[in-house]
Structure formats: structure tokens, C-alpha cells
């Protein structure tokens, strides 16, 4: 609620007609018609206050809903974009790493078949492939952004 709205709030600043009706009621004792008129003015004023109270309640509920939407749904939408791009990137990097690892393994096995023919040396092409996977994973982990999703500094 803005400051200008609170200045126009009928509970904080009653309207002049409601004030005049409430001050006119005790001073008038002329007849029954003026008494019912002042009573109607007083009850109309209370209806106006009740209506403004319910309007204020509705405004407050709407503000709370808007605030909750702003603080939960909007950041989740932004986070969803980040997560979507991250998943797409992870899948593509994983696929590329698998192809590069398979290519390196087949290259070593076909180009140097006699070199890795021993009992334990036959495992070396697989070790090279594993080291390539570790290298790609370490590069990917070093590029993880530590900044928050929002642009504000914490």
C-alpha cells in the first residue's frame, strides 16, 4: 500500500460527511425525523468503515499473493531456465566426452596393437580413456558458476 493510499484511508482520516453526521447527532433534538436521519448517517458511516475494512483486507490478500508470486514463482522460472540450459549442456558434454573417449580408446588399440599386448599393459588404453574423462570432468567442474541466480549481490 502506498503512502498516498494510506492518506486516503477512511479509517485513518474519516470523511467530512461522516464526521459532520456524528457531530450533528448529539446537538439535534428537534424531532424524530432528525434522529432517524442521524442514526442512518451513523450506520452508513459504519457500513462505509466495514466496507473499507473488507476492501483493505482484500487489498492485503492481493498484495500478499502478488508478493508470494514475485518471491517464489518468478525466481523459479528464472531458475528453470538455468536448469534447462545446464541439463542441455551436461547432456551434450557427456555425449561428446563419450565419443572422444571411445575414439581415443580405439585409436590407441588400433595404432599401437603390439605395444599394449602384455598382461597389465593391455589395460593402459582404458586408463588413457579414463584420464580423458577425468580431464573433461575437471574442466566442466571448474567452469561451474558460483554466482547466485539473481543479479543482486549478497
Protein backbone atom coordinates (compact mmCIF):
# COMPACT_ATOMS: atom_id res chain seq x y z
CA UNK A 1 0.00 0.00 0.00
CA UNK A 2 1.47 3.34 -0.97
CA UNK A 3 1.66 6.37 1.31
CA UNK A 4 -0.86 8.25 -0.84
CA UNK A 5 -3.31 5.37 -0.37
CA UNK A 6 -2.93 5.49 3.40
CA UNK A 7 -3.67 9.23 3.37
CA UNK A 8 -6.99 8.50 1.69
CA UNK A 9 -7.80 5.68 4.07
CA UNK A 10 -11.23 6.34 5.62
CA UNK A 11 -10.27 4.60 8.87
CA UNK A 12 -7.28 6.86 9.40
CA UNK A 13 -8.86 10.04 8.02
CA UNK A 14 -12.67 9.91 8.22
CA UNK A 15 -14.57 11.73 5.51
CA UNK A 16 -16.02 15.16 6.47
CA UNK A 17 -19.61 13.95 5.89
CA UNK A 18 -19.19 11.12 8.42
CA UNK A 19 -17.67 13.49 10.96
CA UNK A 20 -20.43 16.06 10.41
CA UNK A 21 -23.13 13.41 10.80
CA UNK A 22 -21.65 12.10 14.05
CA UNK A 23 -21.25 15.61 15.50
CA UNK A 24 -24.72 16.69 14.37
CA UNK A 25 -26.46 13.77 16.09
CA UNK A 26 -25.98 14.84 19.73
CA UNK A 27 -26.86 18.51 19.12
CA UNK A 28 -30.11 17.91 17.24
CA UNK A 29 -33.13 17.18 19.41
CA UNK A 30 -35.87 18.76 17.29
CA UNK A 31 -37.86 15.78 16.19
CA UNK A 32 -37.97 12.12 15.32
CA UNK A 33 -37.07 12.69 11.66
CA UNK A 34 -33.72 14.25 12.55
CA UNK A 35 -32.97 11.42 14.98
CA UNK A 36 -33.56 8.76 12.35
CA UNK A 37 -31.53 10.74 9.87
CA UNK A 38 -28.59 10.93 12.23
CA UNK A 39 -28.89 7.24 13.02
CA UNK A 40 -28.94 6.42 9.32
CA UNK A 41 -25.90 8.63 8.85
CA UNK A 42 -24.07 6.87 11.66
CA UNK A 43 -24.94 3.39 10.40
CA UNK A 44 -23.99 4.43 6.85
CA UNK A 45 -20.64 5.58 8.23
CA UNK A 46 -20.10 2.22 9.94
CA UNK A 47 -21.03 0.41 6.72
CA UNK A 48 -18.51 2.55 4.92
CA UNK A 49 -15.90 1.65 7.52
CA UNK A 50 -16.80 -2.05 7.33
CA UNK A 51 -16.69 -1.94 3.56
CA UNK A 52 -13.36 -0.16 3.60
CA UNK A 53 -12.08 -2.70 6.11
CA UNK A 54 -13.11 -5.55 3.83
CA UNK A 55 -11.58 -3.70 0.89
CA UNK A 56 -8.39 -3.29 2.89
CA UNK A 57 -8.44 -6.97 3.76
CA UNK A 58 -8.90 -7.84 0.07
CA UNK A 59 -6.10 -5.45 -0.86
CA UNK A 60 -3.86 -7.03 1.75
CA UNK A 61 -4.65 -10.52 0.48
CA UNK A 62 -3.93 -9.41 -3.08
CA UNK A 63 -0.63 -7.83 -2.01
CA UNK A 64 0.41 -11.00 -0.17
CA UNK A 65 -0.45 -13.09 -3.23
CA UNK A 66 1.48 -10.75 -5.52
CA UNK A 67 4.45 -10.79 -3.14
CA UNK A 68 4.43 -14.58 -2.90
CA UNK A 69 4.24 -14.81 -6.67
CA UNK A 70 7.10 -12.37 -7.04
CA UNK A 71 9.30 -14.11 -4.49
CA UNK A 72 8.62 -17.75 -5.41
CA UNK A 73 7.30 -18.27 -8.92
CA UNK A 74 9.39 -15.68 -10.74
CA UNK A 75 12.72 -16.91 -9.31
CA UNK A 76 11.66 -20.49 -10.07
CA UNK A 77 11.02 -19.53 -13.70
CA UNK A 78 14.48 -17.98 -13.88
CA UNK A 79 15.99 -20.99 -12.15
CA UNK A 80 14.11 -23.25 -14.58
CA UNK A 81 15.84 -21.56 -17.50
CA UNK A 82 19.22 -22.01 -15.82
CA UNK A 83 18.47 -25.64 -15.03
CA UNK A 84 17.24 -26.28 -18.58
CA UNK A 85 20.36 -24.83 -20.16
CA UNK A 86 22.52 -26.68 -17.62
CA UNK A 87 20.87 -30.02 -18.39
CA UNK A 88 21.19 -29.49 -22.14
CA UNK A 89 24.87 -28.57 -21.69
CA UNK A 90 25.51 -31.55 -19.43
CA UNK A 91 23.93 -33.97 -21.89
CA UNK A 92 25.90 -32.54 -24.81
CA UNK A 93 29.18 -32.54 -22.89
CA UNK A 94 28.54 -36.11 -21.70
CA UNK A 95 27.78 -37.30 -25.24
CA UNK A 96 30.85 -35.56 -26.66
CA UNK A 97 33.05 -36.97 -23.89
CA UNK A 98 31.77 -40.48 -24.53
CA UNK A 99 32.55 -40.18 -28.25
CA UNK A 100 36.01 -38.72 -27.59
CA UNK A 101 36.79 -41.43 -25.04
CA UNK A 102 35.68 -44.18 -27.40
CA UNK A 103 37.70 -42.58 -30.20
CA UNK A 104 40.83 -42.35 -28.05
CA UNK A 105 40.42 -45.94 -26.89
CA UNK A 106 40.05 -47.27 -30.44
CA UNK A 107 42.93 -45.09 -31.67
CA UNK A 108 45.33 -46.45 -29.07
CA UNK A 109 44.16 -50.04 -29.60
CA UNK A 110 44.43 -49.97 -33.40
CA UNK A 111 47.53 -47.79 -33.92
CA UNK A 112 49.72 -49.47 -31.31
CA UNK A 113 48.40 -53.02 -31.01
CA UNK A 114 51.76 -54.65 -30.13
CA UNK A 115 52.67 -52.07 -27.52
CA UNK A 116 49.82 -52.92 -25.21
CA UNK A 117 49.86 -56.71 -25.59
CA UNK A 118 51.06 -57.70 -22.10
CA UNK A 119 49.06 -58.86 -19.19
CA UNK A 120 48.80 -55.49 -17.38
CA UNK A 121 49.71 -53.23 -20.27
CA UNK A 122 46.52 -54.19 -22.10
CA UNK A 123 44.72 -52.04 -19.52
CA UNK A 124 46.65 -48.88 -20.46
CA UNK A 125 44.29 -47.82 -23.32
CA UNK A 126 41.41 -47.96 -20.84
CA UNK A 127 43.46 -45.92 -18.37
CA UNK A 128 44.04 -43.29 -21.08
CA UNK A 129 40.33 -43.17 -21.79
CA UNK A 130 39.59 -42.82 -18.07
CA UNK A 131 42.12 -39.98 -17.74
CA UNK A 132 40.43 -38.18 -20.65
CA UNK A 133 37.09 -38.48 -18.83
CA UNK A 134 38.66 -37.11 -15.63
CA UNK A 135 40.16 -34.21 -17.59
CA UNK A 136 36.84 -33.27 -19.19
CA UNK A 137 35.01 -33.60 -15.86
CA UNK A 138 37.56 -31.40 -14.06
CA UNK A 139 37.24 -28.76 -16.80
CA UNK A 140 33.47 -28.86 -16.51
CA UNK A 141 33.56 -28.58 -12.70
CA UNK A 142 35.99 -25.66 -12.86
CA UNK A 143 33.53 -23.76 -15.06
CA UNK A 144 30.58 -24.07 -12.65
CA UNK A 145 29.34 -20.59 -11.84
CA UNK A 146 29.28 -19.81 -8.13
CA UNK A 147 27.12 -16.68 -8.57
CA UNK A 148 23.50 -16.67 -7.37
CA UNK A 149 20.72 -16.92 -9.92
CA UNK A 150 19.64 -13.36 -9.27
CA UNK A 151 21.78 -10.45 -10.26
CA UNK A 152 21.75 -8.89 -6.78
CA UNK A 153 24.89 -9.13 -4.69
CA UNK A 154 24.61 -10.91 -1.36
